[in-house]
Amino acid sequence: MLDAEFIRQNAEAVKLNCKNRGVSDEAVERVIALDGRRKELAQKEGETAAKKNAISSQFKGATPERREELRKESSTIDAEVAAIAAERKRVEGERDAALMQIPNMTHPAAPVGGEDANKVVAQFGEPRAFDFKPKDHVDLCEALDLADFEAGTKVAGQKFYFLKNEAALLEIALVQYAMQTAVKAGYTPIITPDLARVEVLEGIGFMPRDPNPDTRQVYTVADTDLCLIATAEITLGGMHRDRIFDESELPKRYVGLSHCFRTEAGAAGRDTRGLYRVHQFTKVEMFAFCTPENSDAIHEEIRALEEKIFQGLGLCFHVIDTATGDLGGPAYRKYDLEAWMPGRGTGGAYGEITSTSNCTDFQARRLGIRYKGKGFKGTKFAHTLNGTAVACTRALVAILENYQQADGSVVIPEVLRPWVGKDKIEPRKA
């Protein structure tokens, strides 16, 4: 979240940022008013407590009768301080709830507008020209016995699935390939929990307590304070909750493996066929903690790693600088990688495969992640960044559709062959 004092001093800029992101700026004035009230109460609390100190200084040398009077006065002041403190905490709670509704500020270079304003900033490869009518990944999965969507529905419901045969091996291969690429770049490998506390999800920027089931994106576990995670960004970010780093320890780079669970609320009718939009998938996620001076450079570093991974897979994709109206609340700037998928839409289309976001100190402020250094007093909030190395289901869609052959087979990208154990997926013999 943003700092309340920053909002007070930059109210008009924060309101404009809300407008550019397509969210209400109503919370801005509410934060300013509540923080002003909090300051008044804090001052009153201190002044009232000072009266008790003055009374305490009168005990020495006082008569027994006077001491009894002083005790009563002290008790009355204690009750006043407690009442003021309780009101201050209530106001702080309301202020913090309002702060949660205000998005991060936005990088000045980010395009302003909605989804239509997203800007392509890099292109890798060209869409493949087929000399036959290509199938979509669902038809390929059925023809090559790579997935069982019907069984997934029977066992867990719509948008669940079983991966089979070479598709299962391809997922394992994608995980190995992405992890090895990130590890070679200096990222520490982590396997994270698939569950996290509500407070951690809120710190990262999710809304697990969203009362509206039509917009809630995460699964909560009944009778606990736990949720199934939607991304390892949650657990990697929460790993250093309330930590104070020494500046010399930063940056810290991690690459985490987890399953991801999403309700896909509000997504009815959008990409409902097959593996593109599902309730569970495996993902390799990169995450970094750093100082503010390094965050822009590390953001470009993560983007370059994502590009390297998908160039290595031999896929056609482009990179989008995401417009303000399409940014999530925590993101200061976000790049999306979209791969060409021949079976998407009518005649093929680009579909998102990864993204990377610089969240500046927005998440760290909520999670209490700071650092100390020699050049300044006290502590500062760290910056956090995240980026998907590979989301396996989306990558599988792109690979199957782009590498299909006229005879119904699918060529396996060369970088994945060591883990799959073959060069091609061929139709099974009857």
Protein backbone atom coordinates (compact mmCIF):
# COMPACT_ATOMS: atom_id res chain seq x y z
CA MET A 1 0.00 0.00 0.00
CA LEU A 2 1.01 3.60 -0.35
CA ASP A 3 2.21 5.62 2.64
CA ALA A 4 -0.52 7.78 4.16
CA GLU A 5 1.80 10.77 4.41
CA PHE A 6 2.71 10.38 0.73
CA ILE A 7 -0.99 10.43 -0.14
CA ARG A 8 -1.53 13.54 1.97
CA GLN A 9 1.33 15.37 0.25
CA ASN A 10 0.48 14.17 -3.27
CA ALA A 11 -3.31 13.91 -3.17
CA GLU A 12 -3.96 15.19 -6.70
CA ALA A 13 -1.32 12.92 -8.25
CA VAL A 14 -2.75 9.92 -6.40
CA LYS A 15 -6.27 10.78 -7.58
CA LEU A 16 -5.08 11.12 -11.19
CA ASN A 17 -3.34 7.76 -10.88
CA CYS A 18 -6.59 6.19 -9.66
CA LYS A 19 -8.41 7.72 -12.63
CA ASN A 20 -5.80 6.40 -15.08
CA ARG A 21 -6.17 2.93 -13.57
CA GLY A 22 -9.95 3.03 -13.79
CA VAL A 23 -10.61 2.83 -10.05
CA SER A 24 -12.47 5.15 -7.69
CA ASP A 25 -10.46 7.85 -5.93
CA GLU A 26 -12.99 8.09 -3.09
CA ALA A 27 -10.59 6.40 -0.67
CA VAL A 28 -7.97 9.14 -1.11
CA GLU A 29 -9.88 11.83 0.79
CA ARG A 30 -10.96 9.23 3.32
CA VAL A 31 -7.34 8.31 4.03
CA ILE A 32 -6.40 11.97 4.42
CA ALA A 33 -9.26 12.63 6.83
CA LEU A 34 -8.69 9.49 8.89
CA ASP A 35 -4.94 10.00 9.07
CA GLY A 36 -5.51 13.57 10.22
CA ARG A 37 -7.84 12.32 12.92
CA ARG A 38 -5.28 9.65 13.91
CA LYS A 39 -2.62 12.34 14.35
CA GLU A 40 -4.95 14.42 16.53
CA LEU A 41 -5.70 11.41 18.72
CA ALA A 42 -2.03 10.47 18.98
CA GLN A 43 -1.19 13.99 20.12
CA LYS A 44 -4.06 13.98 22.61
CA GLU A 45 -2.96 10.57 23.88
CA GLY A 46 0.56 11.88 24.48
CA GLU A 47 -0.62 15.06 26.18
CA THR A 48 -2.98 13.10 28.46
CA ALA A 49 -0.25 10.62 29.37
CA ALA A 50 2.00 13.58 30.22
CA LYS A 51 -0.56 14.70 32.82
CA LYS A 52 -0.10 11.38 34.59
CA ASN A 53 3.63 11.91 34.67
CA ALA A 54 3.05 15.29 36.28
CA ILE A 55 0.82 13.68 38.89
CA SER A 56 3.36 10.94 39.60
CA SER A 57 6.00 13.57 40.33
CA GLN A 58 3.80 14.95 43.14
CA PHE A 59 3.74 11.72 45.17
CA LYS A 60 7.09 12.36 46.81
CA GLY A 61 6.58 14.31 50.00
CA ALA A 62 2.76 14.34 49.69
CA THR A 63 0.56 13.66 52.72
CA PRO A 64 -1.35 10.36 52.86
CA GLU A 65 -4.57 12.17 52.08
CA ARG A 66 -3.02 13.94 49.09
CA ARG A 67 -1.55 10.67 47.83
CA GLU A 68 -5.00 9.10 47.80
CA GLU A 69 -6.31 12.05 45.79
CA LEU A 70 -3.41 11.70 43.36
CA ARG A 71 -4.10 7.97 42.93
CA LYS A 72 -7.72 8.72 42.00
CA GLU A 73 -6.63 11.41 39.54
CA SER A 74 -4.08 8.99 38.05
CA SER A 75 -6.71 6.28 37.69
CA THR A 76 -9.04 8.70 35.90
CA ILE A 77 -6.26 9.70 33.49
CA ASP A 78 -5.43 6.03 32.85
CA ALA A 79 -9.04 5.50 31.77
CA GLU A 80 -8.86 8.58 29.52
CA VAL A 81 -5.62 7.38 27.88
CA ALA A 82 -7.10 3.92 27.31
CA ALA A 83 -10.22 5.41 25.70
CA ILE A 84 -8.15 7.68 23.45
CA ALA A 85 -5.85 4.80 22.49
CA ALA A 86 -8.83 2.59 21.63
CA GLU A 87 -10.28 5.33 19.41
CA ARG A 88 -6.90 5.88 17.76
CA LYS A 89 -6.61 2.17 16.97
CA ARG A 90 -10.14 2.14 15.55
CA VAL A 91 -9.34 5.11 13.31
CA GLU A 92 -6.05 3.51 12.24
CA GLY A 93 -7.96 0.37 11.27
CA GLU A 94 -10.38 2.37 9.13
CA ARG A 95 -7.52 4.31 7.57
CA ASP A 96 -5.61 1.11 6.74
CA ALA A 97 -8.76 -0.42 5.20
CA ALA A 98 -9.06 2.67 3.00
CA LEU A 99 -5.36 2.48 2.10
CA MET A 100 -5.92 -1.07 0.85
CA GLN A 101 -8.30 0.33 -1.81
CA ILE A 102 -5.71 2.65 -3.36
CA PRO A 103 -3.45 1.15 -6.07
CA ASN A 104 0.27 1.65 -6.40
CA MET A 105 1.57 4.64 -8.31
CA THR A 106 2.44 3.98 -11.96
CA HIS A 107 5.69 4.18 -13.90
CA PRO A 108 5.63 7.38 -15.98
CA ALA A 109 6.42 5.41 -19.16
CA ALA A 110 3.46 3.03 -18.81
CA PRO A 111 0.77 3.64 -21.47
CA VAL A 112 -2.32 5.41 -20.14
CA GLY A 113 -5.68 3.81 -20.87
CA GLY A 114 -7.44 0.47 -20.93
CA GLU A 115 -6.52 -2.82 -22.56
CA ASP A 116 -6.59 -1.20 -26.01
CA ALA A 117 -3.71 1.06 -24.94
CA ASN A 118 -1.35 -1.85 -24.22
CA LYS A 119 1.83 -1.24 -26.21
CA VAL A 120 3.89 -3.91 -28.01
CA VAL A 121 7.54 -3.14 -27.19
CA ALA A 122 9.28 -6.23 -28.62
CA GLN A 123 8.53 -8.98 -31.14
CA PHE A 124 10.21 -12.39 -31.32
CA GLY A 125 9.57 -14.54 -34.38
CA GLU A 126 6.60 -14.56 -36.74
CA PRO A 127 3.39 -16.62 -36.61
CA ARG A 128 3.90 -19.96 -38.33
CA ALA A 129 2.31 -20.38 -41.76
CA PHE A 130 0.71 -23.83 -42.01
CA ASP A 131 0.21 -25.74 -45.26
CA PHE A 132 -2.60 -27.65 -43.57
CA LYS A 133 -5.49 -26.73 -41.30
CA PRO A 134 -4.03 -26.64 -37.77
CA LYS A 135 -5.90 -28.13 -34.81
CA ASP A 136 -6.33 -26.42 -31.48
CA HIS A 137 -4.65 -27.94 -28.43
CA VAL A 138 -7.84 -29.65 -27.22
CA ASP A 139 -8.18 -31.62 -30.45
CA LEU A 140 -4.48 -32.44 -30.32
CA CYS A 141 -4.78 -33.65 -26.72
CA GLU A 142 -7.68 -35.90 -27.67
CA ALA A 143 -6.00 -37.24 -30.81
CA LEU A 144 -2.67 -37.93 -29.06
CA ASP A 145 -4.14 -39.00 -25.68
CA LEU A 146 -2.39 -36.21 -23.79
CA ALA A 147 -5.15 -35.03 -21.44
CA ASP A 148 -8.45 -36.20 -20.00
CA PHE A 149 -10.78 -33.29 -19.42
CA GLU A 150 -13.82 -35.48 -18.77
CA ALA A 151 -12.11 -37.34 -15.94
CA GLY A 152 -10.93 -34.03 -14.48
CA THR A 153 -14.52 -32.80 -14.41
CA LYS A 154 -15.74 -36.01 -12.76
CA VAL A 155 -13.08 -35.88 -10.07
CA ALA A 156 -12.82 -32.15 -9.30
CA GLY A 157 -15.29 -30.23 -11.50
CA GLN A 158 -15.12 -28.01 -14.56
CA LYS A 159 -11.71 -26.61 -15.59
CA PHE A 160 -9.79 -29.43 -13.92
CA TYR A 161 -7.95 -32.02 -16.00
CA PHE A 162 -5.55 -34.95 -16.05
CA LEU A 163 -2.32 -34.63 -18.05
CA LYS A 164 -1.24 -37.92 -19.58
CA ASN A 165 1.64 -39.53 -21.42
CA GLU A 166 3.97 -37.01 -23.08
CA ALA A 167 1.95 -34.04 -21.78
CA ALA A 168 2.81 -35.07 -18.22
CA LEU A 169 6.46 -35.41 -19.22
CA LEU A 170 6.32 -32.04 -21.00
CA GLU A 171 5.14 -30.34 -17.81
CA ILE A 172 8.01 -31.86 -15.86
CA ALA A 173 10.37 -30.82 -18.65
CA LEU A 174 9.10 -27.24 -18.62
CA VAL A 175 9.62 -27.04 -14.86
CA GLN A 176 13.18 -28.38 -15.15
CA TYR A 177 14.02 -26.11 -18.08
CA ALA A 178 12.65 -22.95 -16.42
CA MET A 179 14.20 -23.73 -13.03
CA GLN A 180 17.62 -24.50 -14.54
CA THR A 181 17.54 -21.29 -16.61
CA ALA A 182 16.74 -19.16 -13.56
CA VAL A 183 19.23 -20.96 -11.30
CA LYS A 184 22.01 -20.35 -13.84
CA ALA A 185 21.08 -16.66 -13.71
CA GLY A 186 21.64 -16.60 -9.93
CA TYR A 187 18.14 -17.34 -8.60
CA THR A 188 17.83 -19.59 -5.54
CA PRO A 189 15.46 -22.53 -6.17
CA ILE A 190 12.53 -22.89 -3.76
CA ILE A 191 9.56 -25.23 -3.50
CA THR A 192 6.90 -23.28 -1.62
CA PRO A 193 3.76 -24.29 0.30
CA ASP A 194 0.55 -24.33 -1.73
CA LEU A 195 -1.27 -22.66 1.17
CA ALA A 196 -0.81 -19.28 2.82
CA ARG A 197 -2.46 -17.23 5.54
CA VAL A 198 -5.07 -14.64 4.62
CA GLU A 199 -2.82 -11.83 5.90
CA VAL A 200 -0.04 -12.88 3.52
CA LEU A 201 -2.38 -12.86 0.51
CA GLU A 202 -3.62 -9.41 1.51
CA GLY A 203 -0.02 -8.24 1.88
CA ILE A 204 0.74 -9.32 -1.68
CA GLY A 205 -2.39 -7.58 -2.96
CA PHE A 206 -5.07 -10.29 -3.23
CA MET A 207 -8.52 -9.99 -1.64
CA PRO A 208 -9.30 -13.37 -0.04
CA ARG A 209 -11.96 -11.75 2.14
CA ASP A 210 -13.78 -10.30 -0.88
CA PRO A 211 -17.44 -10.84 0.04
CA ASN A 212 -18.50 -11.01 -3.61
CA PRO A 213 -18.11 -14.56 -4.98
CA ASP A 214 -18.34 -13.17 -8.53
CA THR A 215 -15.04 -11.32 -8.12
CA ARG A 216 -13.19 -13.41 -5.51
CA GLN A 217 -10.19 -15.06 -7.17
CA VAL A 218 -8.84 -17.37 -4.47
CA TYR A 219 -10.05 -20.49 -2.73
CA THR A 220 -10.30 -20.25 1.05
CA VAL A 221 -10.05 -23.26 3.37
CA ALA A 222 -13.09 -23.53 5.65
CA ASP A 223 -12.58 -23.03 9.41
CA THR A 224 -8.98 -21.83 8.96
CA ASP A 225 -7.12 -18.63 8.11
CA LEU A 226 -5.58 -20.37 5.09
CA CYS A 227 -6.08 -20.03 1.33
CA LEU A 228 -4.87 -22.02 -1.66
CA ILE A 229 -2.31 -19.81 -3.35
CA ALA A 230 -2.94 -18.33 -6.79
CA THR A 231 0.80 -17.96 -7.48
CA ALA A 232 4.11 -18.59 -5.70
CA GLU A 233 4.45 -14.79 -5.67
CA ILE A 234 2.33 -15.01 -2.53
CA THR A 235 4.50 -17.49 -0.67
CA LEU A 236 7.83 -16.12 -1.92
CA GLY A 237 6.80 -12.60 -0.91
CA GLY A 238 5.51 -13.81 2.45
CA MET A 239 8.67 -15.80 3.14
CA HIS A 240 10.42 -12.69 4.52
CA ARG A 241 7.41 -11.12 6.20
CA ASP A 242 8.48 -8.70 8.99
CA ARG A 243 12.14 -9.21 8.06
CA ILE A 244 14.74 -6.46 8.31
CA PHE A 245 17.59 -7.11 5.87
CA ASP A 246 21.01 -5.60 5.94
CA GLU A 247 21.46 -3.63 2.72
CA SER A 248 24.47 -5.82 1.86
CA GLU A 249 22.13 -8.87 1.70
CA LEU A 250 20.13 -7.37 -1.16
CA PRO A 251 19.13 -8.13 -3.82
CA LYS A 252 17.72 -11.58 -3.02
CA ARG A 253 16.52 -13.56 -6.03
CA TYR A 254 14.34 -16.66 -5.82
CA VAL A 255 12.72 -19.02 -8.31
CA GLY A 256 9.81 -20.91 -6.78
CA LEU A 257 7.79 -23.92 -7.85
CA SER A 258 4.19 -24.33 -6.76
CA HIS A 259 0.75 -25.33 -7.85
CA CYS A 260 -1.59 -22.40 -8.42
CA PHE A 261 -5.33 -22.36 -7.72
CA ARG A 262 -7.70 -19.76 -9.15
CA THR A 263 -11.48 -19.59 -9.08
CA GLU A 264 -11.46 -17.67 -12.40
CA ALA A 265 -14.44 -15.71 -11.12
CA GLY A 266 -15.87 -13.41 -13.75
CA ALA A 267 -14.22 -15.40 -16.54
CA ALA A 268 -17.31 -17.28 -17.73
CA GLY A 269 -17.30 -17.72 -21.49
CA ARG A 270 -13.68 -16.60 -21.87
CA ASP A 271 -11.19 -19.24 -23.00
CA THR A 272 -13.24 -21.99 -21.38
CA ARG A 273 -12.00 -24.68 -23.74
CA GLY A 274 -9.03 -26.79 -22.68
CA LEU A 275 -5.94 -25.72 -20.74
CA TYR A 276 -5.78 -21.98 -21.31
CA ARG A 277 -7.93 -20.93 -18.33
CA VAL A 278 -8.10 -23.56 -15.60
CA HIS A 279 -8.57 -23.78 -11.83
CA GLN A 280 -5.23 -25.47 -11.11
CA PHE A 281 -1.85 -25.39 -12.83
CA THR A 282 1.86 -25.68 -12.13
CA LYS A 283 4.00 -22.56 -12.31
CA VAL A 284 7.64 -21.56 -11.88
CA GLU A 285 7.81 -18.04 -10.49
CA MET A 286 10.73 -15.64 -10.10
CA PHE A 287 10.75 -13.17 -7.19
CA ALA A 288 13.23 -10.55 -6.01
CA PHE A 289 13.74 -8.30 -2.99
CA CYS A 290 15.97 -5.28 -3.58
CA THR A 291 16.66 -1.63 -2.81
CA PRO A 292 14.69 1.06 -4.67
CA GLU A 293 17.78 1.98 -6.71
CA ASN A 294 17.92 -1.52 -8.24
CA SER A 295 14.27 -2.33 -8.90
CA ASP A 296 13.98 -0.96 -12.45
CA ALA A 297 17.11 -2.84 -13.53
CA ILE A 298 15.96 -6.10 -11.92
CA HIS A 299 12.57 -5.71 -13.60
CA GLU A 300 14.32 -5.59 -16.98
CA GLU A 301 16.47 -8.55 -15.91
CA ILE A 302 13.40 -10.68 -15.15
CA ARG A 303 11.80 -9.66 -18.43
CA ALA A 304 14.99 -10.69 -20.27
CA LEU A 305 14.94 -14.09 -18.55
CA GLU A 306 11.33 -14.64 -19.58
CA GLU A 307 12.24 -13.73 -23.16
CA LYS A 308 15.22 -16.10 -23.05
CA ILE A 309 13.04 -18.99 -21.84
CA PHE A 310 10.47 -18.59 -24.60
CA GLN A 311 13.06 -17.90 -27.29
CA GLY A 312 14.63 -21.19 -26.21
CA LEU A 313 11.28 -22.91 -26.75
CA GLY A 314 11.24 -21.56 -30.30
CA LEU A 315 7.89 -19.82 -29.94
CA CYS A 316 6.63 -16.68 -31.63
CA PHE A 317 5.73 -14.10 -28.98
CA HIS A 318 5.65 -10.40 -28.30
CA VAL A 319 6.12 -8.27 -25.19
CA ILE A 320 3.52 -5.78 -24.02
CA ASP A 321 4.04 -2.76 -21.79
CA THR A 322 0.76 -3.00 -19.88
CA ALA A 323 -1.49 0.06 -19.82
CA THR A 324 -2.56 1.72 -16.58
CA GLY A 325 -6.14 0.47 -16.76
CA ASP A 326 -4.96 -3.12 -17.14
CA LEU A 327 -2.53 -3.11 -14.19
CA GLY A 328 -3.17 -4.97 -10.96
CA GLY A 329 -3.24 -2.85 -7.79
CA PRO A 330 0.33 -3.63 -6.59
CA ALA A 331 2.09 -3.20 -9.96
CA TYR A 332 4.09 -0.04 -10.69
CA ARG A 333 4.90 -1.39 -14.13
CA LYS A 334 4.11 -4.71 -15.80
CA TYR A 335 5.24 -6.48 -18.96
CA ASP A 336 3.18 -9.33 -20.45
CA LEU A 337 4.58 -11.92 -22.82
CA GLU A 338 1.98 -13.17 -25.28
CA ALA A 339 2.63 -16.19 -27.51
CA TRP A 340 1.05 -16.84 -30.88
CA MET A 341 -1.48 -19.68 -30.54
CA PRO A 342 -2.76 -20.96 -33.90
CA GLY A 343 -5.86 -22.56 -32.35
CA ARG A 344 -6.94 -19.50 -30.40
CA GLY A 345 -9.95 -17.63 -31.74
CA THR A 346 -10.58 -17.71 -35.47
CA GLY A 347 -7.34 -18.13 -37.35
CA GLY A 348 -5.08 -17.80 -34.32
CA ALA A 349 -4.31 -15.05 -31.83
CA TYR A 350 -1.80 -14.04 -29.20
CA GLY A 351 -2.45 -15.26 -25.65
CA GLU A 352 -0.71 -14.31 -22.41
CA ILE A 353 1.92 -16.80 -21.23
CA THR A 354 3.89 -14.86 -18.60
CA SER A 355 4.13 -11.46 -16.98
CA THR A 356 6.57 -9.57 -14.78
CA SER A 357 5.76 -6.73 -12.38
CA ASN A 358 7.73 -4.19 -10.41
CA CYS A 359 5.68 -3.59 -7.26
CA THR A 360 8.13 -1.07 -5.70
CA ASP A 361 7.51 -0.93 -1.90
CA PHE A 362 3.74 -1.54 -2.20
CA GLN A 363 3.86 -5.17 -1.01
CA ALA A 364 6.81 -4.71 1.35
CA ARG A 365 4.98 -1.94 3.22
CA ARG A 366 2.04 -4.29 3.86
CA LEU A 367 4.30 -7.21 4.79
CA GLY A 368 6.77 -5.23 6.92
CA ILE A 369 9.84 -6.06 4.81
CA ARG A 370 12.60 -3.50 5.38
CA TYR A 371 16.34 -3.05 5.15
CA LYS A 372 18.95 -1.05 7.05
CA GLY A 373 22.19 0.42 5.73
CA LYS A 374 25.20 2.56 6.61
CA GLY A 375 24.16 5.61 4.62
CA PHE A 376 20.91 6.36 6.46
CA LYS A 377 19.26 6.13 9.86
CA GLY A 378 16.49 3.70 10.70
CA THR A 379 15.09 1.39 8.03
CA LYS A 380 13.57 1.66 4.56
CA PHE A 381 11.02 -0.55 2.82
CA ALA A 382 12.42 -2.98 0.27
CA HIS A 383 11.15 -3.22 -3.29
CA THR A 384 9.63 -6.46 -4.56
CA LEU A 385 9.42 -7.82 -8.11
CA ASN A 386 7.88 -10.93 -9.59
CA GLY A 387 7.86 -12.67 -12.95
CA THR A 388 6.61 -15.97 -14.29
CA ALA A 389 9.35 -18.20 -15.67
CA VAL A 390 6.75 -20.62 -17.02
CA ALA A 391 3.05 -21.31 -16.43
CA CYS A 392 2.93 -24.91 -17.62
CA THR A 393 -0.58 -25.10 -19.05
CA ARG A 394 -0.25 -21.93 -21.14
CA ALA A 395 3.16 -23.07 -22.38
CA LEU A 396 1.70 -26.47 -23.29
CA VAL A 397 -1.03 -24.80 -25.35
CA ALA A 398 1.55 -22.80 -27.32
CA ILE A 399 3.89 -25.75 -27.83
CA LEU A 400 1.25 -28.22 -28.98
CA GLU A 401 -0.39 -25.79 -31.39
CA ASN A 402 2.81 -24.37 -32.88
CA TYR A 403 4.75 -27.63 -33.18
CA GLN A 404 1.98 -29.76 -34.71
CA GLN A 405 2.68 -31.50 -38.02
CA ALA A 406 0.51 -32.45 -40.99
CA ASP A 407 0.61 -36.14 -40.02
CA GLY A 408 -0.94 -35.36 -36.61
CA SER A 409 2.30 -35.57 -34.65
CA VAL A 410 3.83 -32.83 -32.49
CA VAL A 411 7.56 -32.08 -32.51
CA ILE A 412 9.02 -31.53 -29.03
CA PRO A 413 11.15 -28.37 -28.64
CA GLU A 414 14.81 -29.34 -28.60
CA VAL A 415 15.51 -27.86 -25.14
CA LEU A 416 12.85 -30.13 -23.58
CA ARG A 417 13.88 -33.39 -25.22
CA PRO A 418 16.35 -34.52 -22.53
CA TRP A 419 13.51 -34.68 -19.98
CA VAL A 420 10.80 -36.04 -22.31
CA GLY A 421 13.07 -38.69 -23.79
CA LYS A 422 11.90 -38.35 -27.39
CA ASP A 423 11.83 -35.91 -30.30
CA LYS A 424 8.19 -36.20 -31.31
CA ILE A 425 4.76 -37.10 -30.01
CA GLU A 426 3.17 -39.42 -32.52
CA PRO A 427 -0.39 -40.76 -32.87
CA ARG A 428 -0.78 -43.98 -30.90
CA LYS A 429 -1.13 -47.17 -32.83
CA ALA A 430 -4.50 -48.87 -32.59
